[in-house]
PDB file of N, CA and C in Angstrom:
ATOM      1  N   UNK A   1       6.268   6.783  13.230  1.00  0.00           N
ATOM      2  CA  UNK A   1       6.071   8.039  13.909  1.00  0.00           C
ATOM      3  C   UNK A   1       5.906   9.134  12.862  1.00  0.00           C
ATOM      4  N   UNK A   2       4.925   9.929  13.018  1.00  0.00           N
ATOM      5  CA  UNK A   2       4.699  11.048  12.110  1.00  0.00           C
ATOM      6  C   UNK A   2       5.392  12.284  12.662  1.00  0.00           C
ATOM      7  N   UNK A   3       5.874  13.126  11.750  1.00  0.00           N
ATOM      8  CA  UNK A   3       6.484  14.380  12.174  1.00  0.00           C
ATOM      9  C   UNK A   3       6.327  15.413  11.077  1.00  0.00           C
ATOM     10  N   UNK A   4       6.478  16.650  11.456  1.00  0.00           N
ATOM     11  CA  UNK A   4       6.409  17.742  10.495  1.00  0.00           C
ATOM     12  C   UNK A   4       7.818  18.249  10.257  1.00  0.00           C
ATOM     13  N   UNK A   5       8.174  18.415   9.015  1.00  0.00           N
ATOM     14  CA  UNK A   5       9.495  18.923   8.650  1.00  0.00           C
ATOM     15  C   UNK A   5       9.298  20.248   7.942  1.00  0.00           C
ATOM     16  N   UNK A   6       9.834  21.289   8.512  1.00  0.00           N
ATOM     17  CA  UNK A   6       9.702  22.617   7.914  1.00  0.00           C
ATOM     18  C   UNK A   6      10.965  22.917   7.115  1.00  0.00           C
ATOM     19  N   UNK A   7      10.776  23.213   5.850  1.00  0.00           N
ATOM     20  CA  UNK A   7      11.883  23.513   4.942  1.00  0.00           C
ATOM     21  C   UNK A   7      11.763  24.940   4.439  1.00  0.00           C
ATOM     22  N   UNK A   8      12.906  25.506   4.094  1.00  0.00           N
ATOM     23  CA  UNK A   8      12.866  26.806   3.428  1.00  0.00           C
ATOM     24  C   UNK A   8      12.329  26.580   2.018  1.00  0.00           C
ATOM     25  N   UNK A   9      11.972  27.665   1.341  1.00  0.00           N
ATOM     26  CA  UNK A   9      11.493  27.537  -0.037  1.00  0.00           C
ATOM     27  C   UNK A   9      12.557  26.899  -0.923  1.00  0.00           C
ATOM     28  N   UNK A  10      13.819  27.289  -0.727  1.00  0.00           N
ATOM     29  CA  UNK A  10      14.911  26.717  -1.526  1.00  0.00           C
ATOM     30  C   UNK A  10      15.086  25.225  -1.256  1.00  0.00           C
ATOM     31  N   UNK A  11      15.008  24.849   0.014  1.00  0.00           N
ATOM     32  CA  UNK A  11      15.140  23.429   0.368  1.00  0.00           C
ATOM     33  C   UNK A  11      13.999  22.612  -0.225  1.00  0.00           C
ATOM     34  N   UNK A  12      12.793  23.132  -0.143  1.00  0.00           N
ATOM     35  CA  UNK A  12      11.628  22.434  -0.684  1.00  0.00           C
ATOM     36  C   UNK A  12      11.741  22.301  -2.200  1.00  0.00           C
ATOM     37  N   UNK A  13      12.217  23.336  -2.869  1.00  0.00           N
ATOM     38  CA  UNK A  13      12.384  23.288  -4.327  1.00  0.00           C
ATOM     39  C   UNK A  13      13.431  22.261  -4.711  1.00  0.00           C
ATOM     40  N   UNK A  14      14.539  22.240  -3.970  1.00  0.00           N
ATOM     41  CA  UNK A  14      15.601  21.272  -4.259  1.00  0.00           C
ATOM     42  C   UNK A  14      15.106  19.850  -4.032  1.00  0.00           C
ATOM     43  N   UNK A  15      14.360  19.643  -2.961  1.00  0.00           N
ATOM     44  CA  UNK A  15      13.807  18.319  -2.679  1.00  0.00           C
ATOM     45  C   UNK A  15      12.810  17.918  -3.759  1.00  0.00           C
ATOM     46  N   UNK A  16      11.989  18.837  -4.188  1.00  0.00           N
ATOM     47  CA  UNK A  16      11.010  18.562  -5.244  1.00  0.00           C
ATOM     48  C   UNK A  16      11.718  18.170  -6.542  1.00  0.00           C
ATOM     49  N   UNK A  17      12.749  18.937  -6.912  1.00  0.00           N
ATOM     50  CA  UNK A  17      13.496  18.619  -8.138  1.00  0.00           C
ATOM     51  C   UNK A  17      14.141  17.239  -8.053  1.00  0.00           C
ATOM     52  N   UNK A  18      14.745  16.945  -6.897  1.00  0.00           N
ATOM     53  CA  UNK A  18      15.396  15.642  -6.728  1.00  0.00           C
ATOM     54  C   UNK A  18      14.369  14.526  -6.820  1.00  0.00           C
ATOM     55  N   UNK A  19      13.225  14.696  -6.200  1.00  0.00           N
ATOM     56  CA  UNK A  19      12.206  13.645  -6.224  1.00  0.00           C
ATOM     57  C   UNK A  19      11.677  13.430  -7.643  1.00  0.00           C
ATOM     58  N   UNK A  20      11.547  14.514  -8.410  1.00  0.00           N
ATOM     59  CA  UNK A  20      11.109  14.378  -9.805  1.00  0.00           C
ATOM     60  C   UNK A  20      12.153  13.650 -10.639  1.00  0.00           C
ATOM     61  N   UNK A  21      13.431  13.991 -10.425  1.00  0.00           N
ATOM     62  CA  UNK A  21      14.512  13.323 -11.171  1.00  0.00           C
ATOM     63  C   UNK A  21      14.562  11.831 -10.881  1.00  0.00           C
ATOM     64  N   UNK A  22      14.290  11.472  -9.636  1.00  0.00           N
ATOM     65  CA  UNK A  22      14.359  10.073  -9.222  1.00  0.00           C
ATOM     66  C   UNK A  22      13.022   9.349  -9.338  1.00  0.00           C
ATOM     67  N   UNK A  23      11.986  10.073  -9.742  1.00  0.00           N
ATOM     68  CA  UNK A  23      10.638   9.499  -9.847  1.00  0.00           C
ATOM     69  C   UNK A  23      10.229   8.833  -8.531  1.00  0.00           C
ATOM     70  N   UNK A  24      10.516   9.533  -7.445  1.00  0.00           N
ATOM     71  CA  UNK A  24      10.130   9.068  -6.117  1.00  0.00           C
ATOM     72  C   UNK A  24       9.448  10.228  -5.406  1.00  0.00           C
ATOM     73  N   UNK A  25       8.725   9.910  -4.357  1.00  0.00           N
ATOM     74  CA  UNK A  25       8.055  10.966  -3.608  1.00  0.00           C
ATOM     75  C   UNK A  25       9.086  11.785  -2.823  1.00  0.00           C
ATOM     76  N   UNK A  26       8.693  13.002  -2.487  1.00  0.00           N
ATOM     77  CA  UNK A  26       9.562  13.846  -1.678  1.00  0.00           C
ATOM     78  C   UNK A  26       9.834  13.174  -0.335  1.00  0.00           C
ATOM     79  N   UNK A  27       8.842  12.501   0.202  1.00  0.00           N
ATOM     80  CA  UNK A  27       9.019  11.803   1.475  1.00  0.00           C
ATOM     81  C   UNK A  27      10.059  10.697   1.351  1.00  0.00           C
ATOM     82  N   UNK A  28      10.003   9.926   0.278  1.00  0.00           N
ATOM     83  CA  UNK A  28      10.988   8.858   0.087  1.00  0.00           C
ATOM     84  C   UNK A  28      12.404   9.407  -0.016  1.00  0.00           C
ATOM     85  N   UNK A  29      12.570  10.497  -0.746  1.00  0.00           N
ATOM     86  CA  UNK A  29      13.889  11.103  -0.913  1.00  0.00           C
ATOM     87  C   UNK A  29      14.391  11.648   0.422  1.00  0.00           C
ATOM     88  N   UNK A  30      13.531  12.320   1.160  1.00  0.00           N
ATOM     89  CA  UNK A  30      13.919  12.884   2.456  1.00  0.00           C
ATOM     90  C   UNK A  30      14.285  11.782   3.444  1.00  0.00           C
ATOM     91  N   UNK A  31      13.508  10.716   3.483  1.00  0.00           N
ATOM     92  CA  UNK A  31      13.805   9.611   4.397  1.00  0.00           C
ATOM     93  C   UNK A  31      15.121   8.943   4.040  1.00  0.00           C
ATOM     94  N   UNK A  32      15.396   8.769   2.741  1.00  0.00           N
ATOM     95  CA  UNK A  32      16.668   8.180   2.314  1.00  0.00           C
ATOM     96  C   UNK A  32      17.836   9.078   2.719  1.00  0.00           C
ATOM     97  N   UNK A  33      17.651  10.380   2.576  1.00  0.00           N
ATOM     98  CA  UNK A  33      18.712  11.325   2.954  1.00  0.00           C
ATOM     99  C   UNK A  33      18.982  11.257   4.457  1.00  0.00           C
ATOM    100  N   UNK A  34      17.949  11.142   5.242  1.00  0.00           N
ATOM    101  CA  UNK A  34      18.115  11.051   6.691  1.00  0.00           C
ATOM    102  C   UNK A  34      18.837   9.760   7.060  1.00  0.00           C
ATOM    103  N   UNK A  35      18.428   8.644   6.446  1.00  0.00           N
ATOM    104  CA  UNK A  35      19.100   7.364   6.722  1.00  0.00           C
ATOM    105  C   UNK A  35      20.580   7.443   6.380  1.00  0.00           C
ATOM    106  N   UNK A  36      20.902   8.005   5.218  1.00  0.00           N
ATOM    107  CA  UNK A  36      22.290   8.133   4.778  1.00  0.00           C
ATOM    108  C   UNK A  36      23.089   8.994   5.760  1.00  0.00           C
ATOM    109  N   UNK A  37      22.533  10.099   6.179  1.00  0.00           N
ATOM    110  CA  UNK A  37      23.195  10.998   7.124  1.00  0.00           C
ATOM    111  C   UNK A  37      23.494  10.270   8.435  1.00  0.00           C
ATOM    112  N   UNK A  38      22.500   9.596   8.974  1.00  0.00           N
ATOM    113  CA  UNK A  38      22.668   8.906  10.252  1.00  0.00           C
ATOM    114  C   UNK A  38      23.706   7.787  10.123  1.00  0.00           C
ATOM    115  N   UNK A  39      23.639   7.009   9.056  1.00  0.00           N
ATOM    116  CA  UNK A  39      24.601   5.918   8.862  1.00  0.00           C
ATOM    117  C   UNK A  39      26.023   6.448   8.731  1.00  0.00           C
ATOM    118  N   UNK A  40      26.218   7.489   7.937  1.00  0.00           N
ATOM    119  CA  UNK A  40      27.557   8.043   7.737  1.00  0.00           C
ATOM    120  C   UNK A  40      28.126   8.623   9.030  1.00  0.00           C
ATOM    121  N   UNK A  41      27.312   9.333   9.768  1.00  0.00           N
ATOM    122  CA  UNK A  41      27.798   9.927  11.011  1.00  0.00           C
ATOM    123  C   UNK A  41      27.996   8.874  12.092  1.00  0.00           C
ATOM    124  N   UNK A  42      27.202   7.842  12.098  1.00  0.00           N
ATOM    125  CA  UNK A  42      27.369   6.770  13.078  1.00  0.00           C
ATOM    126  C   UNK A  42      28.682   6.041  12.831  1.00  0.00           C
ATOM    127  N   UNK A  43      29.007   5.777  11.554  1.00  0.00           N
ATOM    128  CA  UNK A  43      30.273   5.118  11.229  1.00  0.00           C
ATOM    129  C   UNK A  43      31.458   5.978  11.632  1.00  0.00           C
ATOM    130  N   UNK A  44      31.379   7.261  11.367  1.00  0.00           N
ATOM    131  CA  UNK A  44      32.477   8.170  11.704  1.00  0.00           C
ATOM    132  C   UNK A  44      32.686   8.217  13.219  1.00  0.00           C
ATOM    133  N   UNK A  45      31.601   8.264  13.974  1.00  0.00           N
ATOM    134  CA  UNK A  45      31.716   8.286  15.431  1.00  0.00           C
ATOM    135  C   UNK A  45      32.314   6.987  15.950  1.00  0.00           C
ATOM    136  N   UNK A  46      31.915   5.860  15.380  1.00  0.00           N
ATOM    137  CA  UNK A  46      32.452   4.570  15.788  1.00  0.00           C
ATOM    138  C   UNK A  46      33.953   4.502  15.493  1.00  0.00           C
ATOM    139  N   UNK A  47      34.351   4.959  14.314  1.00  0.00           N
ATOM    140  CA  UNK A  47      35.768   4.968  13.969  1.00  0.00           C
ATOM    141  C   UNK A  47      36.544   5.864  14.925  1.00  0.00           C
ATOM    142  N   UNK A  48      36.014   7.036  15.243  1.00  0.00           N
ATOM    143  CA  UNK A  48      36.672   7.934  16.197  1.00  0.00           C
ATOM    144  C   UNK A  48      36.843   7.262  17.556  1.00  0.00           C
ATOM    145  N   UNK A  49      35.827   6.543  18.004  1.00  0.00           N
ATOM    146  CA  UNK A  49      35.905   5.855  19.296  1.00  0.00           C
ATOM    147  C   UNK A  49      36.996   4.792  19.278  1.00  0.00           C
ATOM    148  N   UNK A  50      37.029   4.003  18.220  1.00  0.00           N
ATOM    149  CA  UNK A  50      38.022   2.930  18.116  1.00  0.00           C
ATOM    150  C   UNK A  50      39.426   3.525  18.087  1.00  0.00           C
ATOM    151  N   UNK A  51      39.624   4.562  17.283  1.00  0.00           N
ATOM    152  CA  UNK A  51      40.945   5.186  17.211  1.00  0.00           C
ATOM    153  C   UNK A  51      41.358   5.762  18.560  1.00  0.00           C
ATOM    154  N   UNK A  52      40.433   6.398  19.238  1.00  0.00           N
ATOM    155  CA  UNK A  52      40.731   6.990  20.539  1.00  0.00           C
ATOM    156  C   UNK A  52      41.142   5.926  21.548  1.00  0.00           C
ATOM    157  N   UNK A  53      40.538   4.759  21.453  1.00  0.00           N
ATOM    158  CA  UNK A  53      40.847   3.679  22.391  1.00  0.00           C
ATOM    159  C   UNK A  53      42.121   2.934  22.010  1.00  0.00           C
ATOM    160  N   UNK A  54      42.353   2.729  20.711  1.00  0.00           N
ATOM    161  CA  UNK A  54      43.439   1.874  20.276  1.00  0.00           C
ATOM    162  C   UNK A  54      44.752   2.590  19.978  1.00  0.00           C
ATOM    163  N   UNK A  55      44.704   3.845  19.549  1.00  0.00           N
ATOM    164  CA  UNK A  55      45.944   4.546  19.209  1.00  0.00           C
ATOM    165  C   UNK A  55      46.938   4.630  20.364  1.00  0.00           C
ATOM    166  N   UNK A  56      46.495   4.919  21.586  1.00  0.00           N
ATOM    167  CA  UNK A  56      47.477   4.975  22.674  1.00  0.00           C
ATOM    168  C   UNK A  56      48.255   3.666  22.847  1.00  0.00           C
ATOM    169  N   UNK A  57      47.600   2.562  22.585  1.00  0.00           N
ATOM    170  CA  UNK A  57      48.253   1.261  22.731  1.00  0.00           C
ATOM    171  C   UNK A  57      49.421   1.114  21.754  1.00  0.00           C
ATOM    172  N   UNK A  58      49.292   1.716  20.585  1.00  0.00           N
ATOM    173  CA  UNK A  58      50.307   1.573  19.544  1.00  0.00           C
ATOM    174  C   UNK A  58      51.131   2.840  19.339  1.00  0.00           C
ATOM    175  N   UNK A  59      51.041   3.768  20.267  1.00  0.00           N
ATOM    176  CA  UNK A  59      51.711   5.062  20.114  1.00  0.00           C
ATOM    177  C   UNK A  59      53.214   4.912  19.921  1.00  0.00           C
ATOM    178  N   UNK A  60      53.838   4.071  20.708  1.00  0.00           N
ATOM    179  CA  UNK A  60      55.298   3.897  20.607  1.00  0.00           C
ATOM    180  C   UNK A  60      55.677   3.330  19.243  1.00  0.00           C
ATOM    181  N   UNK A  61      54.973   2.332  18.778  1.00  0.00           N
ATOM    182  CA  UNK A  61      55.274   1.722  17.475  1.00  0.00           C
ATOM    183  C   UNK A  61      55.043   2.736  16.359  1.00  0.00           C
ATOM    184  N   UNK A  62      53.981   3.503  16.449  1.00  0.00           N
ATOM    185  CA  UNK A  62      53.694   4.506  15.432  1.00  0.00           C
ATOM    186  C   UNK A  62      54.768   5.592  15.426  1.00  0.00           C
ATOM    187  N   UNK A  63      55.230   5.957  16.597  1.00  0.00           N
ATOM    188  CA  UNK A  63      56.295   6.960  16.704  1.00  0.00           C
ATOM    189  C   UNK A  63      57.572   6.449  16.028  1.00  0.00           C
ATOM    190  N   UNK A  64      57.909   5.190  16.264  1.00  0.00           N
ATOM    191  CA  UNK A  64      59.108   4.596  15.644  1.00  0.00           C
ATOM    192  C   UNK A  64      58.976   4.536  14.120  1.00  0.00           C
ATOM    193  N   UNK A  65      57.789   4.209  13.651  1.00  0.00           N
ATOM    194  CA  UNK A  65      57.569   4.142  12.190  1.00  0.00           C
ATOM    195  C   UNK A  65      57.661   5.512  11.545  1.00  0.00           C
ATOM    196  N   UNK A  66      57.315   6.535  12.302  1.00  0.00           N
ATOM    197  CA  UNK A  66      57.340   7.895  11.770  1.00  0.00           C
ATOM    198  C   UNK A  66      58.728   8.464  11.650  1.00  0.00           C
ATOM    199  N   UNK A  67      59.719   7.858  12.283  1.00  0.00           N
ATOM    200  CA  UNK A  67      61.094   8.399  12.244  1.00  0.00           C
ATOM    201  C   UNK A  67      61.986   7.574  11.383  1.00  0.00           C
TER     202      UNK A  67
END
């Protein structure tokens, strides 16, 4: 899927510098950044879901350990 990404001048300059440092295209760097963002946030959301579901089950034991 093609899309247009509008960046500020500062964002474009930072992306350009990063792509030059890594000897990769700006598109490759931007796509990698998006993948990393999505993966990190997906893991955090999954962990939050698991904790929300499982913590109540162990609340009494956790309370005892805390005292």
